[in-house]
Amino acid sequence: MASGLQELLEGIGLTRQEARTYIALHELKESKAGEISKKSGIATANLYPVLDTLIKKGLVSFKLLNNIKVFYPVSIEAFNEL
């Protein structure tokens, strides 16, 4: 399923890393960057710029818990704007 979803996300304009990151975060529901990195297979150092891009696109958001960013995917309606 993830590969089909990845193809769909890439088809609407996400990069491969953005798609992998979004899928990992969607499966995790909400998570810190280290956990997303492990799930997606993308190094943490490379993950932060990808998360920033997904935030700018309105597909990911975050909250601060004890001064630590916890990321979560936004609702699927955000894809309508892409």
PDB file of N, CA and C in Angstrom:
ATOM      1  N   MET A   1       0.813  -1.204   0.000  1.00  0.00           N
ATOM      2  CA  MET A   1       0.000   0.000   0.000  1.00  0.00           C
ATOM      3  C   MET A   1       0.854   1.264   0.000  1.00  0.00           C
ATOM      4  N   ALA A   2       1.920   1.255   0.788  1.00  0.00           N
ATOM      5  CA  ALA A   2       2.742   2.458   0.898  1.00  0.00           C
ATOM      6  C   ALA A   2       3.329   2.856  -0.447  1.00  0.00           C
ATOM      7  N   SER A   3       3.721   1.869  -1.276  1.00  0.00           N
ATOM      8  CA  SER A   3       4.304   2.231  -2.567  1.00  0.00           C
ATOM      9  C   SER A   3       3.262   2.888  -3.474  1.00  0.00           C
ATOM     10  N   GLY A   4       2.012   2.395  -3.428  1.00  0.00           N
ATOM     11  CA  GLY A   4       0.951   3.034  -4.200  1.00  0.00           C
ATOM     12  C   GLY A   4       0.671   4.435  -3.717  1.00  0.00           C
ATOM     13  N   LEU A   5       0.666   4.606  -2.409  1.00  0.00           N
ATOM     14  CA  LEU A   5       0.456   5.934  -1.831  1.00  0.00           C
ATOM     15  C   LEU A   5       1.622   6.844  -2.180  1.00  0.00           C
ATOM     16  N   GLN A   6       2.836   6.304  -2.152  1.00  0.00           N
ATOM     17  CA  GLN A   6       3.999   7.111  -2.505  1.00  0.00           C
ATOM     18  C   GLN A   6       3.898   7.579  -3.952  1.00  0.00           C
ATOM     19  N   GLU A   7       3.504   6.694  -4.847  1.00  0.00           N
ATOM     20  CA  GLU A   7       3.336   7.084  -6.248  1.00  0.00           C
ATOM     21  C   GLU A   7       2.270   8.157  -6.394  1.00  0.00           C
ATOM     22  N   LEU A   8       1.188   8.017  -5.659  1.00  0.00           N
ATOM     23  CA  LEU A   8       0.118   9.018  -5.696  1.00  0.00           C
ATOM     24  C   LEU A   8       0.624  10.371  -5.214  1.00  0.00           C
ATOM     25  N   LEU A   9       1.338  10.378  -4.094  1.00  0.00           N
ATOM     26  CA  LEU A   9       1.860  11.629  -3.552  1.00  0.00           C
ATOM     27  C   LEU A   9       2.870  12.271  -4.498  1.00  0.00           C
ATOM     28  N   GLU A  10       3.723  11.454  -5.095  1.00  0.00           N
ATOM     29  CA  GLU A  10       4.680  11.988  -6.055  1.00  0.00           C
ATOM     30  C   GLU A  10       3.949  12.506  -7.297  1.00  0.00           C
ATOM     31  N   GLY A  11       2.844  11.857  -7.647  1.00  0.00           N
ATOM     32  CA  GLY A  11       2.057  12.283  -8.795  1.00  0.00           C
ATOM     33  C   GLY A  11       1.404  13.640  -8.621  1.00  0.00           C
ATOM     34  N   ILE A  12       1.169  14.037  -7.363  1.00  0.00           N
ATOM     35  CA  ILE A  12       0.580  15.358  -7.127  1.00  0.00           C
ATOM     36  C   ILE A  12       1.636  16.403  -6.789  1.00  0.00           C
ATOM     37  N   GLY A  13       2.910  16.027  -6.953  1.00  0.00           N
ATOM     38  CA  GLY A  13       3.956  17.036  -6.854  1.00  0.00           C
ATOM     39  C   GLY A  13       4.915  16.944  -5.693  1.00  0.00           C
ATOM     40  N   LEU A  14       4.764  15.949  -4.833  1.00  0.00           N
ATOM     41  CA  LEU A  14       5.719  15.809  -3.739  1.00  0.00           C
ATOM     42  C   LEU A  14       6.976  15.113  -4.243  1.00  0.00           C
ATOM     43  N   THR A  15       8.103  15.445  -3.650  1.00  0.00           N
ATOM     44  CA  THR A  15       9.340  14.738  -3.975  1.00  0.00           C
ATOM     45  C   THR A  15       9.286  13.356  -3.321  1.00  0.00           C
ATOM     46  N   ARG A  16      10.210  12.495  -3.704  1.00  0.00           N
ATOM     47  CA  ARG A  16      10.265  11.151  -3.120  1.00  0.00           C
ATOM     48  C   ARG A  16      10.444  11.241  -1.598  1.00  0.00           C
ATOM     49  N   GLN A  17      11.354  12.106  -1.145  1.00  0.00           N
ATOM     50  CA  GLN A  17      11.585  12.235   0.300  1.00  0.00           C
ATOM     51  C   GLN A  17      10.366  12.816   1.015  1.00  0.00           C
ATOM     52  N   GLU A  18       9.701  13.774   0.403  1.00  0.00           N
ATOM     53  CA  GLU A  18       8.493  14.334   1.007  1.00  0.00           C
ATOM     54  C   GLU A  18       7.421  13.265   1.136  1.00  0.00           C
ATOM     55  N   ALA A  19       7.261  12.457   0.105  1.00  0.00           N
ATOM     56  CA  ALA A  19       6.257  11.396   0.127  1.00  0.00           C
ATOM     57  C   ALA A  19       6.592  10.362   1.200  1.00  0.00           C
ATOM     58  N   ARG A  20       7.838   9.933   1.268  1.00  0.00           N
ATOM     59  CA  ARG A  20       8.248   8.948   2.279  1.00  0.00           C
ATOM     60  C   ARG A  20       8.055   9.498   3.687  1.00  0.00           C
ATOM     61  N   THR A  21       8.391  10.764   3.864  1.00  0.00           N
ATOM     62  CA  THR A  21       8.239  11.392   5.176  1.00  0.00           C
ATOM     63  C   THR A  21       6.770  11.479   5.561  1.00  0.00           C
ATOM     64  N   TYR A  22       5.926  11.911   4.631  1.00  0.00           N
ATOM     65  CA  TYR A  22       4.503  12.032   4.929  1.00  0.00           C
ATOM     66  C   TYR A  22       3.902  10.670   5.259  1.00  0.00           C
ATOM     67  N   ILE A  23       4.239   9.644   4.496  1.00  0.00           N
ATOM     68  CA  ILE A  23       3.710   8.301   4.738  1.00  0.00           C
ATOM     69  C   ILE A  23       4.138   7.802   6.116  1.00  0.00           C
ATOM     70  N   ALA A  24       5.416   7.981   6.447  1.00  0.00           N
ATOM     71  CA  ALA A  24       5.912   7.552   7.754  1.00  0.00           C
ATOM     72  C   ALA A  24       5.169   8.277   8.871  1.00  0.00           C
ATOM     73  N   LEU A  25       4.992   9.575   8.716  1.00  0.00           N
ATOM     74  CA  LEU A  25       4.312  10.353   9.741  1.00  0.00           C
ATOM     75  C   LEU A  25       2.838   9.975   9.831  1.00  0.00           C
ATOM     76  N   HIS A  26       2.229   9.709   8.699  1.00  0.00           N
ATOM     77  CA  HIS A  26       0.830   9.290   8.689  1.00  0.00           C
ATOM     78  C   HIS A  26       0.660   7.974   9.454  1.00  0.00           C
ATOM     79  N   GLU A  27       1.590   7.048   9.275  1.00  0.00           N
ATOM     80  CA  GLU A  27       1.535   5.769   9.973  1.00  0.00           C
ATOM     81  C   GLU A  27       1.805   5.929  11.467  1.00  0.00           C
ATOM     82  N   LEU A  28       2.685   6.865  11.819  1.00  0.00           N
ATOM     83  CA  LEU A  28       3.028   7.092  13.228  1.00  0.00           C
ATOM     84  C   LEU A  28       1.987   7.946  13.958  1.00  0.00           C
ATOM     85  N   LYS A  29       1.149   8.659  13.228  1.00  0.00           N
ATOM     86  CA  LYS A  29       0.138   9.595  13.752  1.00  0.00           C
ATOM     87  C   LYS A  29       0.766  10.894  14.230  1.00  0.00           C
ATOM     88  N   GLU A  30       1.704  10.832  15.138  1.00  0.00           N
ATOM     89  CA  GLU A  30       2.496  11.993  15.546  1.00  0.00           C
ATOM     90  C   GLU A  30       3.806  11.471  16.096  1.00  0.00           C
ATOM     91  N   SER A  31       4.868  12.251  15.897  1.00  0.00           N
ATOM     92  CA  SER A  31       6.172  11.721  16.249  1.00  0.00           C
ATOM     93  C   SER A  31       7.239  12.800  16.254  1.00  0.00           C
ATOM     94  N   LYS A  32       8.327  12.489  16.948  1.00  0.00           N
ATOM     95  CA  LYS A  32       9.515  13.331  16.913  1.00  0.00           C
ATOM     96  C   LYS A  32      10.322  12.978  15.663  1.00  0.00           C
ATOM     97  N   ALA A  33      11.219  13.865  15.274  1.00  0.00           N
ATOM     98  CA  ALA A  33      11.987  13.700  14.036  1.00  0.00           C
ATOM     99  C   ALA A  33      12.783  12.393  14.019  1.00  0.00           C
ATOM    100  N   GLY A  34      13.349  11.998  15.122  1.00  0.00           N
ATOM    101  CA  GLY A  34      14.145  10.770  15.163  1.00  0.00           C
ATOM    102  C   GLY A  34      13.327   9.543  14.803  1.00  0.00           C
ATOM    103  N   GLU A  35      12.105   9.488  15.289  1.00  0.00           N
ATOM    104  CA  GLU A  35      11.236   8.353  14.984  1.00  0.00           C
ATOM    105  C   GLU A  35      10.804   8.377  13.520  1.00  0.00           C
ATOM    106  N   ILE A  36      10.528   9.567  13.000  1.00  0.00           N
ATOM    107  CA  ILE A  36      10.160   9.698  11.585  1.00  0.00           C
ATOM    108  C   ILE A  36      11.339   9.276  10.717  1.00  0.00           C
ATOM    109  N   SER A  37      12.539   9.648  11.123  1.00  0.00           N
ATOM    110  CA  SER A  37      13.743   9.285  10.388  1.00  0.00           C
ATOM    111  C   SER A  37      13.883   7.770  10.298  1.00  0.00           C
ATOM    112  N   LYS A  38      13.703   7.093  11.411  1.00  0.00           N
ATOM    113  CA  LYS A  38      13.812   5.624  11.412  1.00  0.00           C
ATOM    114  C   LYS A  38      12.746   4.990  10.530  1.00  0.00           C
ATOM    115  N   LYS A  39      11.530   5.475  10.622  1.00  0.00           N
ATOM    116  CA  LYS A  39      10.415   4.894   9.871  1.00  0.00           C
ATOM    117  C   LYS A  39      10.555   5.147   8.365  1.00  0.00           C
ATOM    118  N   SER A  40      11.039   6.323   7.998  1.00  0.00           N
ATOM    119  CA  SER A  40      11.126   6.696   6.585  1.00  0.00           C
ATOM    120  C   SER A  40      12.433   6.271   5.931  1.00  0.00           C
ATOM    121  N   GLY A  41      13.458   6.013   6.742  1.00  0.00           N
ATOM    122  CA  GLY A  41      14.765   5.685   6.191  1.00  0.00           C
ATOM    123  C   GLY A  41      15.534   6.900   5.713  1.00  0.00           C
ATOM    124  N   ILE A  42      15.103   8.077   6.128  1.00  0.00           N
ATOM    125  CA  ILE A  42      15.775   9.324   5.746  1.00  0.00           C
ATOM    126  C   ILE A  42      16.558   9.833   6.959  1.00  0.00           C
ATOM    127  N   ALA A  43      17.837  10.146   6.759  1.00  0.00           N
ATOM    128  CA  ALA A  43      18.680  10.638   7.844  1.00  0.00           C
ATOM    129  C   ALA A  43      18.063  11.879   8.475  1.00  0.00           C
ATOM    130  N   THR A  44      18.180  11.977   9.783  1.00  0.00           N
ATOM    131  CA  THR A  44      17.573  13.092  10.512  1.00  0.00           C
ATOM    132  C   THR A  44      18.042  14.440   9.973  1.00  0.00           C
ATOM    133  N   ALA A  45      19.323  14.543   9.648  1.00  0.00           N
ATOM    134  CA  ALA A  45      19.848  15.809   9.123  1.00  0.00           C
ATOM    135  C   ALA A  45      19.154  16.200   7.818  1.00  0.00           C
ATOM    136  N   ASN A  46      18.771  15.221   7.021  1.00  0.00           N
ATOM    137  CA  ASN A  46      18.066  15.490   5.763  1.00  0.00           C
ATOM    138  C   ASN A  46      16.571  15.635   5.972  1.00  0.00           C
ATOM    139  N   LEU A  47      16.084  15.134   7.098  1.00  0.00           N
ATOM    140  CA  LEU A  47      14.653  15.127   7.346  1.00  0.00           C
ATOM    141  C   LEU A  47      14.107  16.512   7.695  1.00  0.00           C
ATOM    142  N   TYR A  48      14.860  17.299   8.450  1.00  0.00           N
ATOM    143  CA  TYR A  48      14.356  18.607   8.872  1.00  0.00           C
ATOM    144  C   TYR A  48      13.982  19.520   7.700  1.00  0.00           C
ATOM    145  N   PRO A  49      14.819  19.622   6.661  1.00  0.00           N
ATOM    146  CA  PRO A  49      14.399  20.446   5.514  1.00  0.00           C
ATOM    147  C   PRO A  49      13.140  19.900   4.837  1.00  0.00           C
ATOM    148  N   VAL A  50      13.004  18.579   4.786  1.00  0.00           N
ATOM    149  CA  VAL A  50      11.817  17.967   4.183  1.00  0.00           C
ATOM    150  C   VAL A  50      10.587  18.309   5.017  1.00  0.00           C
ATOM    151  N   LEU A  51      10.700  18.191   6.340  1.00  0.00           N
ATOM    152  CA  LEU A  51       9.585  18.546   7.225  1.00  0.00           C
ATOM    153  C   LEU A  51       9.223  20.021   7.065  1.00  0.00           C
ATOM    154  N   ASP A  52      10.231  20.885   6.964  1.00  0.00           N
ATOM    155  CA  ASP A  52       9.961  22.314   6.768  1.00  0.00           C
ATOM    156  C   ASP A  52       9.179  22.560   5.480  1.00  0.00           C
ATOM    157  N   THR A  53       9.545  21.856   4.423  1.00  0.00           N
ATOM    158  CA  THR A  53       8.835  21.996   3.152  1.00  0.00           C
ATOM    159  C   THR A  53       7.397  21.507   3.270  1.00  0.00           C
ATOM    160  N   LEU A  54       7.202  20.367   3.937  1.00  0.00           N
ATOM    161  CA  LEU A  54       5.851  19.838   4.124  1.00  0.00           C
ATOM    162  C   LEU A  54       5.000  20.770   4.991  1.00  0.00           C
ATOM    163  N   ILE A  55       5.626  21.427   5.956  1.00  0.00           N
ATOM    164  CA  ILE A  55       4.910  22.412   6.781  1.00  0.00           C
ATOM    165  C   ILE A  55       4.484  23.593   5.903  1.00  0.00           C
ATOM    166  N   LYS A  56       5.403  24.087   5.062  1.00  0.00           N
ATOM    167  CA  LYS A  56       5.081  25.207   4.173  1.00  0.00           C
ATOM    168  C   LYS A  56       3.973  24.852   3.186  1.00  0.00           C
ATOM    169  N   LYS A  57       3.923  23.582   2.774  1.00  0.00           N
ATOM    170  CA  LYS A  57       2.877  23.127   1.864  1.00  0.00           C
ATOM    171  C   LYS A  57       1.562  22.862   2.593  1.00  0.00           C
ATOM    172  N   GLY A  58       1.579  22.934   3.923  1.00  0.00           N
ATOM    173  CA  GLY A  58       0.364  22.746   4.706  1.00  0.00           C
ATOM    174  C   GLY A  58      -0.014  21.295   4.940  1.00  0.00           C
ATOM    175  N   LEU A  59       0.931  20.372   4.748  1.00  0.00           N
ATOM    176  CA  LEU A  59       0.640  18.954   4.901  1.00  0.00           C
ATOM    177  C   LEU A  59       1.056  18.389   6.251  1.00  0.00           C
ATOM    178  N   VAL A  60       1.928  19.106   6.941  1.00  0.00           N
ATOM    179  CA  VAL A  60       2.429  18.678   8.250  1.00  0.00           C
ATOM    180  C   VAL A  60       2.403  19.877   9.176  1.00  0.00           C
ATOM    181  N   SER A  61       2.166  19.609  10.436  1.00  0.00           N
ATOM    182  CA  SER A  61       2.234  20.646  11.453  1.00  0.00           C
ATOM    183  C   SER A  61       2.999  20.068  12.640  1.00  0.00           C
ATOM    184  N   PHE A  62       3.205  20.893  13.654  1.00  0.00           N
ATOM    185  CA  PHE A  62       3.899  20.402  14.837  1.00  0.00           C
ATOM    186  C   PHE A  62       3.394  21.123  16.069  1.00  0.00           C
ATOM    187  N   LYS A  63       3.665  20.522  17.203  1.00  0.00           N
ATOM    188  CA  LYS A  63       3.392  21.152  18.487  1.00  0.00           C
ATOM    189  C   LYS A  63       4.624  20.973  19.342  1.00  0.00           C
ATOM    190  N   LEU A  64       4.784  21.840  20.309  1.00  0.00           N
ATOM    191  CA  LEU A  64       5.917  21.739  21.219  1.00  0.00           C
ATOM    192  C   LEU A  64       5.481  21.039  22.499  1.00  0.00           C
ATOM    193  N   LEU A  65       6.172  19.974  22.839  1.00  0.00           N
ATOM    194  CA  LEU A  65       5.962  19.280  24.104  1.00  0.00           C
ATOM    195  C   LEU A  65       7.287  19.278  24.847  1.00  0.00           C
ATOM    196  N   ASN A  66       7.353  19.994  25.956  1.00  0.00           N
ATOM    197  CA  ASN A  66       8.598  20.134  26.714  1.00  0.00           C
ATOM    198  C   ASN A  66       9.737  20.627  25.823  1.00  0.00           C
ATOM    199  N   ASN A  67       9.448  21.628  25.009  1.00  0.00           N
ATOM    200  CA  ASN A  67      10.405  22.242  24.082  1.00  0.00           C
ATOM    201  C   ASN A  67      10.924  21.282  23.022  1.00  0.00           C
ATOM    202  N   ILE A  68      10.191  20.225  22.717  1.00  0.00           N
ATOM    203  CA  ILE A  68      10.549  19.283  21.665  1.00  0.00           C
ATOM    204  C   ILE A  68       9.430  19.307  20.625  1.00  0.00           C
ATOM    205  N   LYS A  69       9.809  19.436  19.357  1.00  0.00           N
ATOM    206  CA  LYS A  69       8.812  19.443  18.292  1.00  0.00           C
ATOM    207  C   LYS A  69       8.276  18.032  18.076  1.00  0.00           C
ATOM    208  N   VAL A  70       6.968  17.925  18.083  1.00  0.00           N
ATOM    209  CA  VAL A  70       6.288  16.682  17.759  1.00  0.00           C
ATOM    210  C   VAL A  70       5.458  16.971  16.514  1.00  0.00           C
ATOM    211  N   PHE A  71       5.767  16.270  15.433  1.00  0.00           N
ATOM    212  CA  PHE A  71       5.146  16.514  14.138  1.00  0.00           C
ATOM    213  C   PHE A  71       3.931  15.613  13.953  1.00  0.00           C
ATOM    214  N   TYR A  72       2.968  16.089  13.182  1.00  0.00           N
ATOM    215  CA  TYR A  72       1.789  15.286  12.851  1.00  0.00           C
ATOM    216  C   TYR A  72       1.259  15.720  11.486  1.00  0.00           C
ATOM    217  N   PRO A  73       0.665  14.768  10.753  1.00  0.00           N
ATOM    218  CA  PRO A  73       0.110  15.114   9.441  1.00  0.00           C
ATOM    219  C   PRO A  73      -1.208  15.847   9.611  1.00  0.00           C
ATOM    220  N   VAL A  74      -1.480  16.747   8.693  1.00  0.00           N
ATOM    221  CA  VAL A  74      -2.770  17.442   8.721  1.00  0.00           C
ATOM    222  C   VAL A  74      -3.795  16.587   7.998  1.00  0.00           C
ATOM    223  N   SER A  75      -5.029  16.979   8.059  1.00  0.00           N
ATOM    224  CA  SER A  75      -6.091  16.195   7.444  1.00  0.00           C
ATOM    225  C   SER A  75      -5.910  16.133   5.929  1.00  0.00           C
ATOM    226  N   ILE A  76      -6.495  15.152   5.342  1.00  0.00           N
ATOM    227  CA  ILE A  76      -6.353  14.894   3.915  1.00  0.00           C
ATOM    228  C   ILE A  76      -6.895  16.038   3.061  1.00  0.00           C
ATOM    229  N   GLU A  77      -7.751  16.879   3.610  1.00  0.00           N
ATOM    230  CA  GLU A  77      -8.293  18.000   2.854  1.00  0.00           C
ATOM    231  C   GLU A  77      -7.204  18.951   2.374  1.00  0.00           C
ATOM    232  N   ALA A  78      -6.066  18.978   3.059  1.00  0.00           N
ATOM    233  CA  ALA A  78      -4.969  19.862   2.660  1.00  0.00           C
ATOM    234  C   ALA A  78      -4.448  19.511   1.270  1.00  0.00           C
ATOM    235  N   PHE A  79      -4.628  18.271   0.842  1.00  0.00           N
ATOM    236  CA  PHE A  79      -4.176  17.874  -0.477  1.00  0.00           C
ATOM    237  C   PHE A  79      -4.976  18.517  -1.587  1.00  0.00           C
ATOM    238  N   ASN A  80      -6.184  18.932  -1.299  1.00  0.00           N
ATOM    239  CA  ASN A  80      -7.010  19.589  -2.307  1.00  0.00           C
ATOM    240  C   ASN A  80      -6.373  20.880  -2.799  1.00  0.00           C
ATOM    241  N   GLU A  81      -5.569  21.513  -1.936  1.00  0.00           N
ATOM    242  CA  GLU A  81      -4.934  22.770  -2.318  1.00  0.00           C
ATOM    243  C   GLU A  81      -3.709  22.559  -3.175  1.00  0.00           C
ATOM    244  N   LEU A  82      -3.171  21.325  -3.175  1.00  0.00           N
ATOM    245  CA  LEU A  82      -2.029  21.028  -4.045  1.00  0.00           C
ATOM    246  C   LEU A  82      -2.512  20.870  -5.457  1.00  0.00           C
TER     247      LEU A  82
END
